[in-house]
Amino acid sequence: MKMFSDMLLVCNGKAGQGALEVLLKDAVPPLLDICTNLTIHKTNEKGDAERFCREKGSQYELVVIMGGDGTVHEAINGLSCLENRPLVGILPGGTCNDFARSLHIPMNIGQAVRLITEQTLEKEIDIVKAGERYFSNFWGTGLVSQTSDNIDVGSKSVLGKLSYYISAFQSIQESPILNVKVTTEDNVIEEEVVMLLVANGRSIGSNPLPTCIDMEDGLMDIYIVKKGGFPLLKEFLVIKSTGNISEEYDDILHIQAHKAHIELGQNEKLDMDGELYEGTEQSLHVLNKHLRFLVGREA
């Protein structure tokens, strides 16, 4: 068992739908067994996890993030800009926990804690820089950003993952056509699309993405869903659970790139790991094997 002199546990104050105390009760004693000093930082407001990780993250050997995708996204933005980046562990405590799923981290808190304390497998994972921000899982516009924007906070807390499916159905019925231009090292593609998805992770809304995605290859996977791919997209995002896209569909284009510049015909809603904003263009750049994570083993 590897010991750490200094460990940071960043936890979402609203993690586990108000059950933070229960999560901490299960997590803290085993973590104390593998470290000399444990600092617990409870977030109080949006941006708190990112700010604390950016200011203090380099002082710790291991940073454990307890919370959902929003807390993970904030912490990764705080850690990714550091010169001396610590080892990172994740204890899932949100609704979908998509990035944790991508790393094969168990959704059960006890099993996730054991993964950290046993430290059986570390991997250096790609992080994508988007302007001055970072994402670990995905960036998208069109249907993917509309789905996030449509989710009602109240229904999310009550219905959990079901709210994502309900929102996806609503967004599909209303999805407009976007004019996009994607420029990479090897391709220039201009299309009318219902969705543009740039994936680094393997799950969105608890739905698995194509299994070909490699989180250590220095490449982002770009899926361009044309208007004709609309029926397949509905099946893929809402009904299917396999995560596989058949090559027979010409209306979903898949390319890989180390760098990409995306231009939109007009100001659109953009979604970066659940962080919503608006814009007309975005430059993306893969930082190969940028952060080390404690991960689970693939089934």
Protein backbone atom coordinates (compact mmCIF):
# COMPACT_ATOMS: atom_id res chain seq x y z
CA MET A 1 0.00 0.00 0.00
CA LYS A 2 1.45 3.33 -1.09
CA MET A 3 1.41 6.11 1.50
CA PHE A 4 0.95 9.82 0.76
CA SER A 5 2.26 12.58 2.96
CA ASP A 6 -0.36 15.12 1.88
CA MET A 7 -3.79 14.41 0.39
CA LEU A 8 -6.59 16.80 -0.58
CA LEU A 9 -10.24 15.74 -0.64
CA VAL A 10 -12.41 18.21 -2.55
CA CYS A 11 -16.10 17.52 -1.98
CA ASN A 12 -19.25 19.05 -3.38
CA GLY A 13 -21.37 20.46 -0.57
CA LYS A 14 -24.48 19.18 -2.36
CA ALA A 15 -23.07 15.81 -3.42
CA GLY A 16 -25.25 12.77 -3.08
CA GLN A 17 -28.46 14.82 -2.86
CA GLY A 18 -27.71 16.08 0.66
CA ALA A 19 -25.97 12.92 1.87
CA LEU A 20 -22.45 14.42 2.05
CA GLU A 21 -22.01 13.34 5.66
CA VAL A 22 -22.73 9.73 4.76
CA LEU A 23 -20.28 9.84 1.85
CA LEU A 24 -17.58 11.35 4.05
CA LYS A 25 -18.19 8.74 6.74
CA ASP A 26 -17.51 6.01 4.19
CA ALA A 27 -14.56 7.74 2.53
CA VAL A 28 -12.49 9.51 5.18
CA PRO A 29 -11.36 6.63 7.46
CA PRO A 30 -9.88 4.53 4.59
CA LEU A 31 -8.22 7.63 3.09
CA LEU A 32 -6.65 8.48 6.45
CA ASP A 33 -5.05 5.02 6.44
CA ILE A 34 -2.95 5.91 3.38
CA CYS A 35 -1.89 9.47 4.18
CA THR A 36 -0.15 11.49 6.86
CA ASN A 37 -2.14 14.68 6.37
CA LEU A 38 -5.64 14.88 4.90
CA THR A 39 -7.17 18.25 4.00
CA ILE A 40 -10.92 18.32 3.32
CA HIS A 41 -12.24 21.23 1.28
CA LYS A 42 -16.02 21.51 1.01
CA THR A 43 -17.21 23.65 -1.88
CA ASN A 44 -19.72 26.37 -1.12
CA GLU A 45 -20.39 27.97 -4.50
CA LYS A 46 -19.78 27.60 -8.21
CA GLY A 47 -16.08 27.94 -9.09
CA ASP A 48 -14.92 27.10 -5.57
CA ALA A 49 -13.40 23.71 -6.48
CA GLU A 50 -11.54 25.17 -9.46
CA ARG A 51 -10.18 28.10 -7.48
CA PHE A 52 -8.96 25.97 -4.57
CA CYS A 53 -7.35 23.34 -6.84
CA ARG A 54 -5.58 26.04 -8.84
CA GLU A 55 -4.26 27.77 -5.72
CA LYS A 56 -3.41 24.73 -3.58
CA GLY A 57 -3.38 21.66 -5.84
CA SER A 58 0.38 21.53 -6.42
CA GLN A 59 0.96 21.21 -2.66
CA TYR A 60 -0.57 17.71 -2.57
CA GLU A 61 0.58 14.33 -3.84
CA LEU A 62 -2.99 13.11 -4.34
CA VAL A 63 -6.16 15.11 -4.97
CA VAL A 64 -9.42 13.19 -4.54
CA ILE A 65 -12.54 14.74 -6.10
CA MET A 66 -15.82 13.73 -4.48
CA GLY A 67 -18.84 14.86 -6.46
CA GLY A 68 -20.49 14.77 -9.86
CA ASP A 69 -19.37 15.86 -13.29
CA GLY A 70 -19.62 19.57 -12.42
CA THR A 71 -17.26 19.26 -9.45
CA VAL A 72 -14.88 17.09 -11.49
CA HIS A 73 -14.90 19.61 -14.34
CA GLU A 74 -14.11 22.48 -11.99
CA ALA A 75 -11.30 20.61 -10.25
CA ILE A 76 -9.75 19.52 -13.54
CA ASN A 77 -9.76 23.13 -14.73
CA GLY A 78 -7.94 24.11 -11.56
CA LEU A 79 -5.37 21.31 -11.80
CA SER A 80 -4.72 21.32 -15.56
CA CYS A 81 -3.04 24.73 -15.56
CA LEU A 82 -0.52 23.72 -12.86
CA GLU A 83 3.12 23.00 -13.67
CA ASN A 84 3.34 20.37 -10.91
CA ARG A 85 0.15 18.34 -11.21
CA PRO A 86 -0.81 15.78 -8.55
CA LEU A 87 -2.22 12.30 -8.96
CA VAL A 88 -6.05 12.46 -9.12
CA GLY A 89 -8.74 10.15 -7.79
CA ILE A 90 -12.52 10.44 -8.19
CA LEU A 91 -15.30 9.39 -5.81
CA PRO A 92 -18.56 9.62 -7.83
CA GLY A 93 -21.29 11.59 -6.09
CA GLY A 94 -23.42 13.08 -8.85
CA THR A 95 -26.25 12.17 -11.19
CA CYS A 96 -24.40 10.73 -14.19
CA ASN A 97 -20.70 10.71 -13.21
CA ASP A 98 -19.74 10.44 -16.87
CA PHE A 99 -16.01 11.01 -16.57
CA ALA A 100 -15.76 8.55 -13.68
CA ARG A 101 -17.55 5.98 -15.85
CA SER A 102 -15.06 6.68 -18.63
CA LEU A 103 -12.27 5.77 -16.21
CA HIS A 104 -14.08 2.57 -15.12
CA ILE A 105 -14.43 3.88 -11.58
CA PRO A 106 -17.16 2.03 -9.63
CA MET A 107 -20.34 4.01 -8.91
CA ASN A 108 -20.50 2.42 -5.44
CA ILE A 109 -18.71 4.75 -3.02
CA GLY A 110 -17.13 1.92 -1.03
CA GLN A 111 -15.72 0.26 -4.13
CA ALA A 112 -14.48 3.62 -5.45
CA VAL A 113 -12.68 4.29 -2.16
CA ARG A 114 -11.02 0.86 -2.31
CA LEU A 115 -9.81 1.64 -5.81
CA ILE A 116 -8.01 4.70 -4.41
CA THR A 117 -6.63 3.01 -1.30
CA GLU A 118 -5.39 -0.03 -3.20
CA GLN A 119 -3.94 2.14 -6.01
CA THR A 120 -3.75 -0.76 -8.41
CA LEU A 121 -3.77 1.17 -11.68
CA GLU A 122 -2.70 4.68 -12.73
CA LYS A 123 -3.17 6.11 -16.21
CA GLU A 124 -2.08 9.34 -17.84
CA ILE A 125 -5.23 10.69 -19.48
CA ASP A 126 -5.63 13.26 -22.25
CA ILE A 127 -7.20 16.61 -21.40
CA VAL A 128 -8.47 18.96 -24.11
CA LYS A 129 -7.80 22.68 -23.92
CA ALA A 130 -10.66 24.82 -25.27
CA GLY A 131 -9.47 28.41 -25.45
CA GLU A 132 -8.42 29.12 -21.86
CA ARG A 133 -10.60 26.35 -20.41
CA TYR A 134 -10.15 22.57 -20.21
CA PHE A 135 -12.44 19.58 -20.57
CA SER A 136 -11.97 15.90 -19.83
CA ASN A 137 -15.14 14.40 -21.29
CA PHE A 138 -16.78 16.31 -24.14
CA TRP A 139 -17.46 19.56 -25.96
CA GLY A 140 -20.51 19.98 -28.12
CA THR A 141 -23.11 22.15 -29.76
CA GLY A 142 -26.53 21.56 -31.28
CA LEU A 143 -28.56 18.82 -29.66
CA VAL A 144 -25.99 18.11 -26.93
CA SER A 145 -25.97 21.70 -25.64
CA GLN A 146 -29.75 22.02 -25.99
CA THR A 147 -30.23 18.90 -23.89
CA SER A 148 -28.07 20.33 -21.11
CA ASP A 149 -29.80 23.69 -21.33
CA ASN A 150 -33.27 22.12 -21.16
CA ILE A 151 -32.62 20.09 -18.01
CA ASP A 152 -34.70 21.40 -15.13
CA VAL A 153 -32.65 21.53 -11.92
CA GLY A 154 -35.60 20.39 -9.83
CA SER A 155 -36.39 17.41 -12.04
CA LYS A 156 -32.71 16.47 -12.12
CA SER A 157 -32.59 16.19 -8.35
CA VAL A 158 -35.77 14.11 -8.25
CA LEU A 159 -35.50 12.02 -11.39
CA GLY A 160 -31.73 11.71 -11.77
CA LYS A 161 -30.64 10.28 -15.11
CA LEU A 162 -34.22 10.14 -16.37
CA SER A 163 -34.21 13.94 -16.66
CA TYR A 164 -31.48 13.69 -19.30
CA TYR A 165 -33.59 11.34 -21.40
CA ILE A 166 -36.68 13.54 -21.07
CA SER A 167 -34.65 16.59 -22.06
CA ALA A 168 -33.13 14.74 -25.01
CA PHE A 169 -36.59 13.84 -26.33
CA GLN A 170 -37.71 17.47 -26.03
CA SER A 171 -34.55 18.77 -27.71
CA ILE A 172 -34.84 16.31 -30.59
CA GLN A 173 -38.30 17.64 -31.38
CA GLU A 174 -37.01 21.22 -31.51
CA SER A 175 -33.45 20.83 -32.79
CA PRO A 176 -32.51 23.41 -35.46
CA ILE A 177 -29.95 22.97 -38.21
CA LEU A 178 -26.49 24.46 -37.58
CA ASN A 179 -23.94 25.52 -40.19
CA VAL A 180 -20.49 24.39 -39.04
CA LYS A 181 -16.95 24.36 -40.40
CA VAL A 182 -14.42 22.04 -38.79
CA THR A 183 -10.76 22.53 -39.64
CA THR A 184 -8.17 19.98 -38.47
CA GLU A 185 -4.66 18.97 -39.51
CA ASP A 186 -6.10 16.65 -42.18
CA ASN A 187 -9.64 17.79 -42.87
CA VAL A 188 -11.80 20.80 -43.66
CA ILE A 189 -15.47 19.89 -43.36
CA GLU A 190 -18.42 22.22 -43.89
CA GLU A 191 -21.84 20.77 -43.16
CA GLU A 192 -25.37 21.45 -42.01
CA VAL A 193 -25.70 19.50 -38.77
CA VAL A 194 -28.03 18.81 -35.87
CA MET A 195 -25.12 18.16 -33.52
CA LEU A 196 -21.36 18.47 -33.32
CA LEU A 197 -19.74 16.42 -30.57
CA VAL A 198 -16.05 16.38 -29.64
CA ALA A 199 -15.40 13.45 -27.31
CA ASN A 200 -12.47 12.66 -25.06
CA GLY A 201 -14.41 10.52 -22.58
CA ARG A 202 -16.73 7.60 -23.23
CA SER A 203 -20.04 8.56 -21.63
CA ILE A 204 -22.64 11.34 -21.82
CA GLY A 205 -25.73 11.34 -19.60
CA SER A 206 -24.73 7.81 -18.50
CA ASN A 207 -24.98 6.71 -22.15
CA PRO A 208 -21.82 5.01 -23.42
CA LEU A 209 -20.11 6.58 -26.40
CA PRO A 210 -18.35 4.52 -29.09
CA THR A 211 -15.86 2.08 -27.63
CA CYS A 212 -13.17 3.12 -30.12
CA ILE A 213 -12.46 6.30 -28.13
CA ASP A 214 -8.95 6.14 -26.66
CA MET A 215 -8.32 8.59 -23.80
CA GLU A 216 -4.53 8.27 -24.06
CA ASP A 217 -3.85 8.59 -27.81
CA GLY A 218 -3.47 12.38 -28.04
CA LEU A 219 -6.50 12.63 -30.34
CA MET A 220 -10.03 13.93 -29.88
CA ASP A 221 -12.92 12.10 -31.56
CA ILE A 222 -15.16 14.46 -33.52
CA TYR A 223 -18.68 13.33 -34.48
CA ILE A 224 -20.48 15.45 -37.05
CA VAL A 225 -24.16 14.52 -37.19
CA LYS A 226 -25.76 15.73 -40.40
CA LYS A 227 -29.46 16.38 -40.84
CA GLY A 228 -29.98 12.94 -42.36
CA GLY A 229 -28.48 11.33 -39.25
CA PHE A 230 -31.29 12.61 -37.08
CA PRO A 231 -33.17 9.28 -36.66
CA LEU A 232 -29.95 7.43 -35.82
CA LEU A 233 -28.95 10.13 -33.34
CA LYS A 234 -32.23 9.77 -31.49
CA GLU A 235 -31.69 6.02 -31.24
CA PHE A 236 -28.05 6.47 -30.24
CA LEU A 237 -28.51 9.07 -27.52
CA VAL A 238 -31.79 8.03 -26.02
CA ILE A 239 -32.52 4.37 -26.67
CA LYS A 240 -29.31 2.46 -27.37
CA SER A 241 -26.89 1.51 -24.65
CA THR A 242 -24.19 -0.22 -26.67
CA GLY A 243 -22.23 2.91 -27.59
CA ASN A 244 -21.48 1.56 -31.06
CA ILE A 245 -22.06 3.47 -34.29
CA SER A 246 -22.26 1.31 -37.38
CA GLU A 247 -20.00 2.37 -40.26
CA GLU A 248 -22.92 1.96 -42.69
CA TYR A 249 -24.33 5.35 -41.66
CA ASP A 250 -22.94 8.08 -43.89
CA ASP A 251 -24.81 10.86 -42.09
CA ILE A 252 -22.63 10.67 -39.01
CA LEU A 253 -19.04 11.62 -39.83
CA HIS A 254 -16.26 10.60 -37.47
CA ILE A 255 -12.78 12.09 -37.61
CA GLN A 256 -9.88 12.29 -35.18
CA ALA A 257 -7.55 15.23 -34.62
CA HIS A 258 -4.88 16.60 -32.32
CA LYS A 259 -6.07 20.16 -32.97
CA ALA A 260 -9.34 21.49 -34.34
CA HIS A 261 -10.87 24.89 -35.06
CA ILE A 262 -14.65 25.02 -35.15
CA GLU A 263 -16.61 27.87 -36.77
CA LEU A 264 -20.37 28.27 -36.49
CA GLY A 265 -22.66 30.18 -38.78
CA GLN A 266 -24.03 32.21 -35.88
CA ASN A 267 -23.84 32.53 -32.11
CA GLU A 268 -24.75 29.15 -30.62
CA LYS A 269 -25.04 27.53 -27.21
CA LEU A 270 -21.96 25.46 -26.43
CA ASP A 271 -21.53 22.76 -23.80
CA MET A 272 -18.19 21.81 -22.27
CA ASP A 273 -18.64 19.00 -19.72
CA GLY A 274 -21.91 20.60 -18.64
CA GLU A 275 -20.51 24.14 -18.53
CA LEU A 276 -22.78 26.13 -20.85
CA TYR A 277 -21.74 29.26 -22.70
CA GLU A 278 -22.27 30.89 -26.10
CA GLY A 279 -19.99 31.59 -29.05
CA THR A 280 -19.37 31.46 -32.77
CA GLU A 281 -16.06 29.58 -32.80
CA GLN A 282 -13.77 27.47 -30.64
CA SER A 283 -10.18 26.25 -30.93
CA LEU A 284 -9.44 22.86 -29.35
CA HIS A 285 -6.06 21.31 -28.57
CA VAL A 286 -5.38 17.90 -27.00
CA LEU A 287 -2.88 17.87 -24.14
CA ASN A 288 -1.63 14.30 -24.41
CA LYS A 289 -1.50 12.34 -21.12
CA HIS A 290 -1.82 15.59 -19.17
CA LEU A 291 -3.24 14.32 -15.85
CA ARG A 292 -2.61 11.07 -13.97
CA PHE A 293 -5.70 9.33 -12.61
CA LEU A 294 -6.35 6.32 -10.43
CA VAL A 295 -8.62 4.23 -12.65
CA GLY A 296 -10.53 0.96 -12.64
CA ARG A 297 -9.90 -1.96 -14.93
CA GLU A 298 -12.01 -2.45 -18.04
CA ALA A 299 -14.56 -5.22 -17.79
